[in-house]
Amino acid sequence: GRFTISRDNAKNMVLLQMNSLKPEDTAVYYCNADLWVSGA
């Protein structure tokens, strides 16, 4: 209800819109993805 994840496939990006942030949201945020890269 507060965060929304989305993709921009044309740019190969993932986004995280974070609203109504709380102190307990304080953290280091890490992006993670399964990729098929060149040469793999």
Full PDB file with SEQRES, HELIX, SHEET, SSBOND, CRYST1, ORIGX, SCALE, CONECT and MASTER records, all heavy atoms in Angstrom:
SEQRES   1 A   40  GLY ARG PHE THR ILE SER ARG ASP ASN ALA LYS ASN MET          
SEQRES   2 A   40  VAL LEU LEU GLN MET ASN SER LEU LYS PRO GLU ASP THR          
SEQRES   3 A   40  ALA VAL TYR TYR CYS ASN ALA ASP LEU TRP VAL SER GLY          
SEQRES   4 A   40  ALA                                                          
HELIX    1 AA1 PRO A   23  ASP A   25  5                                   3    
SHEET    1 AA1 2 PHE A   3  ASP A   8  0                                        
SHEET    2 AA1 2 MET A  13  MET A  18 -1                                        
CRYST1    1.000    1.000    1.000  90.00  90.00  90.00 P 1           1          
ORIGX1      1.000000  0.000000  0.000000        0.00000                         
ORIGX2      0.000000  1.000000  0.000000        0.00000                         
ORIGX3      0.000000  0.000000  1.000000        0.00000                         
SCALE1      1.000000  0.000000  0.000000        0.00000                         
SCALE2      0.000000  1.000000  0.000000        0.00000                         
SCALE3      0.000000  0.000000  1.000000        0.00000                         
ATOM      1  N   GLY A   1       0.785  -1.215   0.000  1.00  0.00           N  
ATOM      2  CA  GLY A   1       0.000   0.000   0.000  1.00  0.00           C  
ATOM      3  C   GLY A   1       0.819   1.267   0.000  1.00  0.00           C  
ATOM      4  O   GLY A   1       0.267   2.356  -0.204  1.00  0.00           O  
ATOM      5  N   ARG A   2       2.120   1.154   0.231  1.00  0.00           N  
ATOM      6  CA  ARG A   2       2.989   2.327   0.270  1.00  0.00           C  
ATOM      7  C   ARG A   2       4.037   2.314  -0.840  1.00  0.00           C  
ATOM      8  O   ARG A   2       4.385   3.367  -1.369  1.00  0.00           O  
ATOM      9  CB  ARG A   2       3.702   2.424   1.620  1.00  0.00           C  
ATOM     10  CG  ARG A   2       2.751   2.540   2.809  1.00  0.00           C  
ATOM     11  CD  ARG A   2       3.514   2.831   4.097  1.00  0.00           C  
ATOM     12  NE  ARG A   2       4.431   1.749   4.454  1.00  0.00           N  
ATOM     13  CZ  ARG A   2       5.752   1.892   4.550  1.00  0.00           C  
ATOM     14  NH1 ARG A   2       6.314   3.077   4.327  1.00  0.00           N  
ATOM     15  NH2 ARG A   2       6.514   0.857   4.899  1.00  0.00           N  
ATOM     16  N   PHE A   3       4.546   1.137  -1.179  1.00  0.00           N  
ATOM     17  CA  PHE A   3       5.579   1.001  -2.206  1.00  0.00           C  
ATOM     18  C   PHE A   3       4.977   0.408  -3.473  1.00  0.00           C  
ATOM     19  O   PHE A   3       4.065  -0.428  -3.412  1.00  0.00           O  
ATOM     20  CB  PHE A   3       6.707   0.085  -1.736  1.00  0.00           C  
ATOM     21  CG  PHE A   3       7.566   0.637  -0.631  1.00  0.00           C  
ATOM     22  CD1 PHE A   3       7.230   1.800   0.046  1.00  0.00           C  
ATOM     23  CD2 PHE A   3       8.725  -0.030  -0.265  1.00  0.00           C  
ATOM     24  CE1 PHE A   3       8.026   2.297   1.066  1.00  0.00           C  
ATOM     25  CE2 PHE A   3       9.529   0.458   0.751  1.00  0.00           C  
ATOM     26  CZ  PHE A   3       9.184   1.617   1.418  1.00  0.00           C  
ATOM     27  N   THR A   4       5.514   0.811  -4.616  1.00  0.00           N  
ATOM     28  CA  THR A   4       5.108   0.259  -5.897  1.00  0.00           C  
ATOM     29  C   THR A   4       6.338  -0.049  -6.730  1.00  0.00           C  
ATOM     30  O   THR A   4       7.164   0.835  -6.970  1.00  0.00           O  
ATOM     31  CB  THR A   4       4.200   1.224  -6.677  1.00  0.00           C  
ATOM     32  OG1 THR A   4       3.042   1.541  -5.900  1.00  0.00           O  
ATOM     33  CG2 THR A   4       3.755   0.585  -7.989  1.00  0.00           C  
ATOM     34  N   ILE A   5       6.464  -1.302  -7.160  1.00  0.00           N  
ATOM     35  CA  ILE A   5       7.564  -1.699  -8.028  1.00  0.00           C  
ATOM     36  C   ILE A   5       7.065  -1.723  -9.465  1.00  0.00           C  
ATOM     37  O   ILE A   5       5.926  -2.107  -9.730  1.00  0.00           O  
ATOM     38  CB  ILE A   5       8.143  -3.068  -7.608  1.00  0.00           C  
ATOM     39  CG1 ILE A   5       9.427  -3.373  -8.383  1.00  0.00           C  
ATOM     40  CG2 ILE A   5       7.122  -4.184  -7.776  1.00  0.00           C  
ATOM     41  CD1 ILE A   5      10.180  -4.599  -7.861  1.00  0.00           C  
ATOM     42  N   SER A   6       7.912  -1.310 -10.393  1.00  0.00           N  
ATOM     43  CA  SER A   6       7.540  -1.293 -11.797  1.00  0.00           C  
ATOM     44  C   SER A   6       8.778  -1.505 -12.660  1.00  0.00           C  
ATOM     45  O   SER A   6       9.904  -1.441 -12.175  1.00  0.00           O  
ATOM     46  CB  SER A   6       6.843   0.020 -12.170  1.00  0.00           C  
ATOM     47  OG  SER A   6       7.703   1.131 -11.970  1.00  0.00           O  
ATOM     48  N   ARG A   7       8.537  -1.762 -13.938  1.00  0.00           N  
ATOM     49  CA  ARG A   7       9.619  -1.987 -14.896  1.00  0.00           C  
ATOM     50  C   ARG A   7       9.503  -1.019 -16.056  1.00  0.00           C  
ATOM     51  O   ARG A   7       8.408  -0.634 -16.469  1.00  0.00           O  
ATOM     52  CB  ARG A   7       9.572  -3.420 -15.446  1.00  0.00           C  
ATOM     53  CG  ARG A   7       9.693  -4.522 -14.438  1.00  0.00           C  
ATOM     54  CD  ARG A   7       9.393  -5.871 -15.086  1.00  0.00           C  
ATOM     55  NE  ARG A   7      10.347  -6.200 -16.151  1.00  0.00           N  
ATOM     56  CZ  ARG A   7      11.117  -7.282 -16.168  1.00  0.00           C  
ATOM     57  NH1 ARG A   7      11.053  -8.150 -15.162  1.00  0.00           N  
ATOM     58  NH2 ARG A   7      11.936  -7.499 -17.186  1.00  0.00           N  
ATOM     59  N   ASP A   8      10.644  -0.640 -16.584  1.00  0.00           N  
ATOM     60  CA  ASP A   8      10.723   0.094 -17.839  1.00  0.00           C  
ATOM     61  C   ASP A   8      11.531  -0.790 -18.777  1.00  0.00           C  
ATOM     62  O   ASP A   8      12.758  -0.747 -18.782  1.00  0.00           O  
ATOM     63  CB  ASP A   8      11.384   1.452 -17.655  1.00  0.00           C  
ATOM     64  CG  ASP A   8      11.357   2.291 -18.916  1.00  0.00           C  
ATOM     65  OD1 ASP A   8      11.290   1.732 -20.019  1.00  0.00           O  
ATOM     66  OD2 ASP A   8      11.406   3.537 -18.797  1.00  0.00           O  
ATOM     67  N   ASN A   9      10.843  -1.614 -19.549  1.00  0.00           N  
ATOM     68  CA  ASN A   9      11.516  -2.613 -20.368  1.00  0.00           C  
ATOM     69  C   ASN A   9      12.374  -1.989 -21.470  1.00  0.00           C  
ATOM     70  O   ASN A   9      13.411  -2.543 -21.843  1.00  0.00           O  
ATOM     71  CB  ASN A   9      10.498  -3.570 -20.980  1.00  0.00           C  
ATOM     72  CG  ASN A   9       9.847  -4.463 -19.947  1.00  0.00           C  
ATOM     73  OD1 ASN A   9      10.472  -4.852 -18.960  1.00  0.00           O  
ATOM     74  ND2 ASN A   9       8.582  -4.806 -20.168  1.00  0.00           N  
ATOM     75  N   ALA A  10      11.956  -0.853 -21.996  1.00  0.00           N  
ATOM     76  CA  ALA A  10      12.736  -0.199 -23.036  1.00  0.00           C  
ATOM     77  C   ALA A  10      14.104   0.228 -22.529  1.00  0.00           C  
ATOM     78  O   ALA A  10      15.075   0.263 -23.292  1.00  0.00           O  
ATOM     79  CB  ALA A  10      11.979   1.001 -23.592  1.00  0.00           C  
ATOM     80  N   LYS A  11      14.187   0.553 -21.256  1.00  0.00           N  
ATOM     81  CA  LYS A  11      15.438   0.998 -20.659  1.00  0.00           C  
ATOM     82  C   LYS A  11      16.083  -0.060 -19.781  1.00  0.00           C  
ATOM     83  O   LYS A  11      17.126   0.201 -19.176  1.00  0.00           O  
ATOM     84  CB  LYS A  11      15.208   2.268 -19.844  1.00  0.00           C  
ATOM     85  CG  LYS A  11      14.689   3.444 -20.654  1.00  0.00           C  
ATOM     86  CD  LYS A  11      14.473   4.660 -19.776  1.00  0.00           C  
ATOM     87  CE  LYS A  11      13.957   5.838 -20.583  1.00  0.00           C  
ATOM     88  NZ  LYS A  11      13.724   7.034 -19.735  1.00  0.00           N  
ATOM     89  N   ASN A  12      15.464  -1.245 -19.693  1.00  0.00           N  
ATOM     90  CA  ASN A  12      15.957  -2.321 -18.827  1.00  0.00           C  
ATOM     91  C   ASN A  12      16.160  -1.833 -17.399  1.00  0.00           C  
ATOM     92  O   ASN A  12      17.210  -2.052 -16.788  1.00  0.00           O  
ATOM     93  CB  ASN A  12      17.250  -2.917 -19.384  1.00  0.00           C  
ATOM     94  CG  ASN A  12      17.021  -3.731 -20.637  1.00  0.00           C  
ATOM     95  OD1 ASN A  12      16.019  -4.425 -20.755  1.00  0.00           O  
ATOM     96  ND2 ASN A  12      17.951  -3.656 -21.574  1.00  0.00           N  
ATOM     97  N   MET A  13      15.147  -1.180 -16.880  1.00  0.00           N  
ATOM     98  CA  MET A  13      15.211  -0.612 -15.545  1.00  0.00           C  
ATOM     99  C   MET A  13      14.095  -1.167 -14.662  1.00  0.00           C  
ATOM    100  O   MET A  13      13.020  -1.521 -15.143  1.00  0.00           O  
ATOM    101  CB  MET A  13      15.088   0.910 -15.587  1.00  0.00           C  
ATOM    102  CG  MET A  13      16.216   1.624 -16.279  1.00  0.00           C  
ATOM    103  SD  MET A  13      15.990   3.419 -16.293  1.00  0.00           S  
ATOM    104  CE  MET A  13      16.058   3.762 -14.535  1.00  0.00           C  
ATOM    105  N   VAL A  14      14.371  -1.212 -13.373  1.00  0.00           N  
ATOM    106  CA  VAL A  14      13.363  -1.507 -12.375  1.00  0.00           C  
ATOM    107  C   VAL A  14      13.284  -0.315 -11.431  1.00  0.00           C  
ATOM    108  O   VAL A  14      14.309   0.263 -11.055  1.00  0.00           O  
ATOM    109  CB  VAL A  14      13.660  -2.818 -11.612  1.00  0.00           C  
ATOM    110  CG1 VAL A  14      14.997  -2.752 -10.893  1.00  0.00           C  
ATOM    111  CG2 VAL A  14      12.534  -3.142 -10.638  1.00  0.00           C  
ATOM    112  N   LEU A  15      12.064   0.064 -11.073  1.00  0.00           N  
ATOM    113  CA  LEU A  15      11.829   1.239 -10.251  1.00  0.00           C  
ATOM    114  C   LEU A  15      11.105   0.845  -8.971  1.00  0.00           C  
ATOM    115  O   LEU A  15      10.364  -0.129  -8.935  1.00  0.00           O  
ATOM    116  CB  LEU A  15      10.985   2.261 -11.014  1.00  0.00           C  
ATOM    117  CG  LEU A  15      11.471   2.635 -12.418  1.00  0.00           C  
ATOM    118  CD1 LEU A  15      10.443   3.502 -13.121  1.00  0.00           C  
ATOM    119  CD2 LEU A  15      12.811   3.359 -12.342  1.00  0.00           C  
ATOM    120  N   LEU A  16      11.324   1.618  -7.933  1.00  0.00           N  
ATOM    121  CA  LEU A  16      10.602   1.430  -6.678  1.00  0.00           C  
ATOM    122  C   LEU A  16      10.143   2.793  -6.186  1.00  0.00           C  
ATOM    123  O   LEU A  16      10.957   3.601  -5.739  1.00  0.00           O  
ATOM    124  CB  LEU A  16      11.475   0.744  -5.626  1.00  0.00           C  
ATOM    125  CG  LEU A  16      10.760   0.387  -4.320  1.00  0.00           C  
ATOM    126  CD1 LEU A  16       9.724  -0.715  -4.564  1.00  0.00           C  
ATOM    127  CD2 LEU A  16      11.754  -0.054  -3.250  1.00  0.00           C  
ATOM    128  N   GLN A  17       8.852   3.042  -6.304  1.00  0.00           N  
ATOM    129  CA  GLN A  17       8.259   4.263  -5.777  1.00  0.00           C  
ATOM    130  C   GLN A  17       7.882   4.024  -4.328  1.00  0.00           C  
ATOM    131  O   GLN A  17       7.096   3.124  -4.031  1.00  0.00           O  
ATOM    132  CB  GLN A  17       7.028   4.662  -6.588  1.00  0.00           C  
ATOM    133  CG  GLN A  17       6.324   5.913  -6.086  1.00  0.00           C  
ATOM    134  CD  GLN A  17       7.161   7.151  -6.254  1.00  0.00           C  
ATOM    135  OE1 GLN A  17       7.745   7.367  -7.309  1.00  0.00           O  
ATOM    136  NE2 GLN A  17       7.230   7.968  -5.209  1.00  0.00           N  
ATOM    137  N   MET A  18       8.433   4.823  -3.429  1.00  0.00           N  
ATOM    138  CA  MET A  18       8.217   4.660  -2.001  1.00  0.00           C  
ATOM    139  C   MET A  18       7.495   5.885  -1.469  1.00  0.00           C  
ATOM    140  O   MET A  18       8.041   6.988  -1.479  1.00  0.00           O  
ATOM    141  CB  MET A  18       9.540   4.452  -1.269  1.00  0.00           C  
ATOM    142  CG  MET A  18      10.365   3.287  -1.803  1.00  0.00           C  
ATOM    143  SD  MET A  18      11.859   2.971  -0.823  1.00  0.00           S  
ATOM    144  CE  MET A  18      12.761   4.488  -1.129  1.00  0.00           C  
ATOM    145  N   ASN A  19       6.268   5.689  -1.014  1.00  0.00           N  
ATOM    146  CA  ASN A  19       5.456   6.755  -0.458  1.00  0.00           C  
ATOM    147  C   ASN A  19       5.193   6.499   1.019  1.00  0.00           C  
ATOM    148  O   ASN A  19       5.357   5.389   1.517  1.00  0.00           O  
ATOM    149  CB  ASN A  19       4.126   6.867  -1.206  1.00  0.00           C  
ATOM    150  CG  ASN A  19       4.294   7.205  -2.666  1.00  0.00           C  
ATOM    151  OD1 ASN A  19       5.205   7.947  -3.045  1.00  0.00           O  
ATOM    152  ND2 ASN A  19       3.403   6.686  -3.502  1.00  0.00           N  
ATOM    153  N   SER A  20       4.758   7.541   1.710  1.00  0.00           N  
ATOM    154  CA  SER A  20       4.435   7.442   3.137  1.00  0.00           C  
ATOM    155  C   SER A  20       5.543   6.766   3.919  1.00  0.00           C  
ATOM    156  O   SER A  20       5.311   5.853   4.719  1.00  0.00           O  
ATOM    157  CB  SER A  20       3.106   6.692   3.315  1.00  0.00           C  
ATOM    158  OG  SER A  20       2.049   7.343   2.638  1.00  0.00           O  
ATOM    159  N   LEU A  21       6.755   7.213   3.697  1.00  0.00           N  
ATOM    160  CA  LEU A  21       7.915   6.571   4.306  1.00  0.00           C  
ATOM    161  C   LEU A  21       7.913   6.708   5.819  1.00  0.00           C  
ATOM    162  O   LEU A  21       7.491   7.729   6.367  1.00  0.00           O  
ATOM    163  CB  LEU A  21       9.193   7.150   3.722  1.00  0.00           C  
ATOM    164  CG  LEU A  21       9.535   6.635   2.318  1.00  0.00           C  
ATOM    165  CD1 LEU A  21      10.551   7.543   1.641  1.00  0.00           C  
ATOM    166  CD2 LEU A  21      10.067   5.210   2.402  1.00  0.00           C  
ATOM    167  N   LYS A  22       8.392   5.662   6.473  1.00  0.00           N  
ATOM    168  CA  LYS A  22       8.472   5.589   7.921  1.00  0.00           C  
ATOM    169  C   LYS A  22       9.923   5.424   8.350  1.00  0.00           C  
ATOM    170  O   LYS A  22      10.740   4.924   7.584  1.00  0.00           O  
ATOM    171  CB  LYS A  22       7.654   4.401   8.438  1.00  0.00           C  
ATOM    172  CG  LYS A  22       6.198   4.387   8.006  1.00  0.00           C  
ATOM    173  CD  LYS A  22       5.517   3.103   8.463  1.00  0.00           C  
ATOM    174  CE  LYS A  22       4.069   3.070   8.032  1.00  0.00           C  
ATOM    175  NZ  LYS A  22       3.397   1.799   8.462  1.00  0.00           N  
ATOM    176  N   PRO A  23      10.258   5.826   9.578  1.00  0.00           N  
ATOM    177  CA  PRO A  23      11.633   5.627  10.048  1.00  0.00           C  
ATOM    178  C   PRO A  23      12.108   4.185   9.934  1.00  0.00           C  
ATOM    179  O   PRO A  23      13.295   3.951   9.671  1.00  0.00           O  
ATOM    180  CB  PRO A  23      11.573   6.081  11.509  1.00  0.00           C  
ATOM    181  CG  PRO A  23      10.491   7.107  11.521  1.00  0.00           C  
ATOM    182  CD  PRO A  23       9.463   6.594  10.547  1.00  0.00           C  
ATOM    183  N   GLU A  24      11.212   3.224  10.112  1.00  0.00           N  
ATOM    184  CA  GLU A  24      11.597   1.825  10.009  1.00  0.00           C  
ATOM    185  C   GLU A  24      11.924   1.386   8.587  1.00  0.00           C  
ATOM    186  O   GLU A  24      12.401   0.269   8.373  1.00  0.00           O  
ATOM    187  CB  GLU A  24      10.510   0.913  10.598  1.00  0.00           C  
ATOM    188  CG  GLU A  24       9.115   1.218  10.089  1.00  0.00           C  
ATOM    189  CD  GLU A  24       8.323   2.110  11.035  1.00  0.00           C  
ATOM    190  OE1 GLU A  24       8.897   3.099  11.527  1.00  0.00           O  
ATOM    191  OE2 GLU A  24       7.138   1.802  11.284  1.00  0.00           O  
ATOM    192  N   ASP A  25      11.678   2.250   7.604  1.00  0.00           N  
ATOM    193  CA  ASP A  25      12.095   1.971   6.236  1.00  0.00           C  
ATOM    194  C   ASP A  25      13.565   2.289   6.002  1.00  0.00           C  
ATOM    195  O   ASP A  25      14.101   1.983   4.932  1.00  0.00           O  
ATOM    196  CB  ASP A  25      11.256   2.770   5.235  1.00  0.00           C  
ATOM    197  CG  ASP A  25       9.792   2.367   5.235  1.00  0.00           C  
ATOM    198  OD1 ASP A  25       9.505   1.149   5.301  1.00  0.00           O  
ATOM    199  OD2 ASP A  25       8.935   3.264   5.159  1.00  0.00           O  
ATOM    200  N   THR A  26      14.211   2.916   6.972  1.00  0.00           N  
ATOM    201  CA  THR A  26      15.616   3.271   6.849  1.00  0.00           C  
ATOM    202  C   THR A  26      16.459   2.019   6.657  1.00  0.00           C  
ATOM    203  O   THR A  26      16.417   1.095   7.465  1.00  0.00           O  
ATOM    204  CB  THR A  26      16.088   4.041   8.078  1.00  0.00           C  
ATOM    205  OG1 THR A  26      15.386   5.282   8.169  1.00  0.00           O  
ATOM    206  CG2 THR A  26      17.583   4.324   8.002  1.00  0.00           C  
ATOM    207  N   ALA A  27      17.233   1.994   5.585  1.00  0.00           N  
ATOM    208  CA  ALA A  27      18.050   0.833   5.258  1.00  0.00           C  
ATOM    209  C   ALA A  27      18.851   1.133   4.004  1.00  0.00           C  
ATOM    210  O   ALA A  27      18.626   2.142   3.328  1.00  0.00           O  
ATOM    211  CB  ALA A  27      17.178  -0.408   5.026  1.00  0.00           C  
ATOM    212  N   VAL A  28      19.782   0.249   3.698  1.00  0.00           N  
ATOM    213  CA  VAL A  28      20.418   0.245   2.393  1.00  0.00           C  
ATOM    214  C   VAL A  28      19.564  -0.621   1.482  1.00  0.00           C  
ATOM    215  O   VAL A  28      19.261  -1.766   1.820  1.00  0.00           O  
ATOM    216  CB  VAL A  28      21.860  -0.289   2.453  1.00  0.00           C  
ATOM    217  CG1 VAL A  28      22.468  -0.339   1.056  1.00  0.00           C  
ATOM    218  CG2 VAL A  28      22.711   0.587   3.366  1.00  0.00           C  
ATOM    219  N   TYR A  29      19.174  -0.077   0.352  1.00  0.00           N  
ATOM    220  CA  TYR A  29      18.325  -0.783  -0.589  1.00  0.00           C  
ATOM    221  C   TYR A  29      19.163  -1.300  -1.747  1.00  0.00           C  
ATOM    222  O   TYR A  29      19.954  -0.558  -2.335  1.00  0.00           O  
ATOM    223  CB  TYR A  29      17.217   0.136  -1.106  1.00  0.00           C  
ATOM    224  CG  TYR A  29      16.113   0.351  -0.100  1.00  0.00           C  
ATOM    225  CD1 TYR A  29      16.328   1.108   1.046  1.00  0.00           C  
ATOM    226  CD2 TYR A  29      14.852  -0.218  -0.280  1.00  0.00           C  
ATOM    227  CE1 TYR A  29      15.333   1.283   1.986  1.00  0.00           C  
ATOM    228  CE2 TYR A  29      13.844  -0.039   0.649  1.00  0.00           C  
ATOM    229  CZ  TYR A  29      14.092   0.712   1.785  1.00  0.00           C  
ATOM    230  OH  TYR A  29      13.087   0.891   2.711  1.00  0.00           O  
ATOM    231  N   TYR A  30      18.974  -2.573  -2.079  1.00  0.00           N  
ATOM    232  CA  TYR A  30      19.759  -3.244  -3.105  1.00  0.00           C  
ATOM    233  C   TYR A  30      18.873  -3.717  -4.248  1.00  0.00           C  
ATOM    234  O   TYR A  30      17.845  -4.362  -4.016  1.00  0.00           O  
ATOM    235  CB  TYR A  30      20.492  -4.463  -2.533  1.00  0.00           C  
ATOM    236  CG  TYR A  30      21.514  -4.139  -1.474  1.00  0.00           C  
ATOM    237  CD1 TYR A  30      21.164  -4.107  -0.134  1.00  0.00           C  
ATOM    238  CD2 TYR A  30      22.839  -3.883  -1.822  1.00  0.00           C  
ATOM    239  CE1 TYR A  30      22.101  -3.822   0.847  1.00  0.00           C  
ATOM    240  CE2 TYR A  30      23.777  -3.600  -0.853  1.00  0.00           C  
ATOM    241  CZ  TYR A  30      23.400  -3.574   0.484  1.00  0.00           C  
ATOM    242  OH  TYR A  30      24.342  -3.298   1.445  1.00  0.00           O  
ATOM    243  N   CYS A  31      19.289  -3.428  -5.449  1.00  0.00           N  
ATOM    244  CA  CYS A  31      18.644  -3.955  -6.636  1.00  0.00           C  
ATOM    245  C   CYS A  31      19.135  -5.373  -6.894  1.00  0.00           C  
ATOM    246  O   CYS A  31      20.312  -5.683  -6.671  1.00  0.00           O  
ATOM    247  CB  CYS A  31      18.958  -3.055  -7.830  1.00  0.00           C  
ATOM    248  SG  CYS A  31      18.273  -3.604  -9.400  1.00  0.00           S  
ATOM    249  N   ASN A  32      18.245  -6.234  -7.364  1.00  0.00           N  
ATOM    250  CA  ASN A  32      18.595  -7.617  -7.667  1.00  0.00           C  
ATOM    251  C   ASN A  32      17.863  -8.048  -8.933  1.00  0.00           C  
ATOM    252  O   ASN A  32      16.698  -7.707  -9.115  1.00  0.00           O  
ATOM    253  CB  ASN A  32      18.223  -8.530  -6.499  1.00  0.00           C  
ATOM    254  CG  ASN A  32      18.580  -9.978  -6.752  1.00  0.00           C  
ATOM    255  OD1 ASN A  32      17.747 -10.759  -7.207  1.00  0.00           O  
ATOM    256  ND2 ASN A  32      19.828 -10.340  -6.456  1.00  0.00           N  
ATOM    257  N   ALA A  33      18.553  -8.802  -9.794  1.00  0.00           N  
ATOM    258  CA  ALA A  33      17.929  -9.216 -11.042  1.00  0.00           C  
ATOM    259  C   ALA A  33      18.546 -10.486 -11.577  1.00  0.00           C  
ATOM    260  O   ALA A  33      19.749 -10.727 -11.402  1.00  0.00           O  
ATOM    261  CB  ALA A  33      18.045  -8.114 -12.094  1.00  0.00           C  
ATOM    262  N   ASP A  34      17.713 -11.306 -12.220  1.00  0.00           N  
ATOM    263  CA  ASP A  34      18.181 -12.445 -12.997  1.00  0.00           C  
ATOM    264  C   ASP A  34      18.375 -11.976 -14.429  1.00  0.00           C  
ATOM    265  O   ASP A  34      17.425 -11.517 -15.068  1.00  0.00           O  
ATOM    266  CB  ASP A  34      17.179 -13.590 -12.955  1.00  0.00           C  
ATOM    267  CG  ASP A  34      17.139 -14.294 -11.619  1.00  0.00           C  
ATOM    268  OD1 ASP A  34      18.145 -14.239 -10.883  1.00  0.00           O  
ATOM    269  OD2 ASP A  34      16.102 -14.910 -11.309  1.00  0.00           O  
ATOM    270  N   LEU A  35      19.599 -12.101 -14.922  1.00  0.00           N  
ATOM    271  CA  LEU A  35      19.952 -11.608 -16.247  1.00  0.00           C  
ATOM    272  C   LEU A  35      20.580 -12.702 -17.091  1.00  0.00           C  
ATOM    273  O   LEU A  35      21.268 -13.579 -16.573  1.00  0.00           O  
ATOM    274  CB  LEU A  35      20.944 -10.443 -16.157  1.00  0.00           C  
ATOM    275  CG  LEU A  35      20.577  -9.258 -15.270  1.00  0.00           C  
ATOM    276  CD1 LEU A  35      21.731  -8.261 -15.247  1.00  0.00           C  
ATOM    277  CD2 LEU A  35      19.308  -8.585 -15.770  1.00  0.00           C  
ATOM    278  N   TRP A  36      20.357 -12.634 -18.399  1.00  0.00           N  
ATOM    279  CA  TRP A  36      21.084 -13.435 -19.365  1.00  0.00           C  
ATOM    280  C   TRP A  36      21.951 -12.446 -20.134  1.00  0.00           C  
ATOM    281  O   TRP A  36      21.455 -11.733 -21.017  1.00  0.00           O  
ATOM    282  CB  TRP A  36      20.149 -14.202 -20.294  1.00  0.00           C  
ATOM    283  CG  TRP A  36      20.816 -15.286 -21.070  1.00  0.00           C  
ATOM    284  CD1 TRP A  36      21.981 -15.207 -21.785  1.00  0.00           C  
ATOM    285  CD2 TRP A  36      20.363 -16.636 -21.217  1.00  0.00           C  
ATOM    286  NE1 TRP A  36      22.283 -16.405 -22.365  1.00  0.00           N  
ATOM    287  CE2 TRP A  36      21.295 -17.311 -22.030  1.00  0.00           C  
ATOM    288  CE3 TRP A  36      19.261 -17.337 -20.750  1.00  0.00           C  
ATOM    289  CZ2 TRP A  36      21.165 -18.651 -22.380  1.00  0.00           C  
ATOM    290  CZ3 TRP A  36      19.117 -18.664 -21.098  1.00  0.00           C  
ATOM    291  CH2 TRP A  36      20.067 -19.305 -21.898  1.00  0.00           C  
ATOM    292  N   VAL A  37      23.220 -12.422 -19.785  1.00  0.00           N  
ATOM    293  CA  VAL A  37      24.123 -11.423 -20.327  1.00  0.00           C  
ATOM    294  C   VAL A  37      24.900 -11.987 -21.499  1.00  0.00           C  
ATOM    295  O   VAL A  37      24.935 -13.191 -21.739  1.00  0.00           O  
ATOM    296  CB  VAL A  37      25.094 -10.899 -19.250  1.00  0.00           C  
ATOM    297  CG1 VAL A  37      24.310 -10.327 -18.079  1.00  0.00           C  
ATOM    298  CG2 VAL A  37      26.024 -12.014 -18.782  1.00  0.00           C  
ATOM    299  N   SER A  38      25.535 -11.103 -22.232  1.00  0.00           N  
ATOM    300  CA  SER A  38      26.348 -11.488 -23.374  1.00  0.00           C  
ATOM    301  C   SER A  38      27.445 -12.457 -22.953  1.00  0.00           C  
ATOM    302  O   SER A  38      28.173 -12.208 -21.995  1.00  0.00           O  
ATOM    303  CB  SER A  38      26.974 -10.247 -24.014  1.00  0.00           C  
ATOM    304  OG  SER A  38      27.798 -10.590 -25.103  1.00  0.00           O  
ATOM    305  N   GLY A  39      27.531 -13.587 -23.659  1.00  0.00           N  
ATOM    306  CA  GLY A  39      28.542 -14.585 -23.368  1.00  0.00           C  
ATOM    307  C   GLY A  39      28.111 -15.653 -22.387  1.00  0.00           C  
ATOM    308  O   GLY A  39      28.820 -16.650 -22.216  1.00  0.00           O  
ATOM    309  N   ALA A  40      26.971 -15.474 -21.745  1.00  0.00           N  
ATOM    310  CA  ALA A  40      26.494 -16.435 -20.766  1.00  0.00           C  
ATOM    311  C   ALA A  40      25.723 -17.556 -21.445  1.00  0.00           C  
ATOM    312  O   ALA A  40      25.250 -17.415 -22.572  1.00  0.00           O  
ATOM    313  CB  ALA A  40      25.614 -15.751 -19.728  1.00  0.00           C  
TER     314      ALA A  40                                                      
MASTER        0    0    0    1    2    0    0    6  313    1    0    4          
END                                                                             
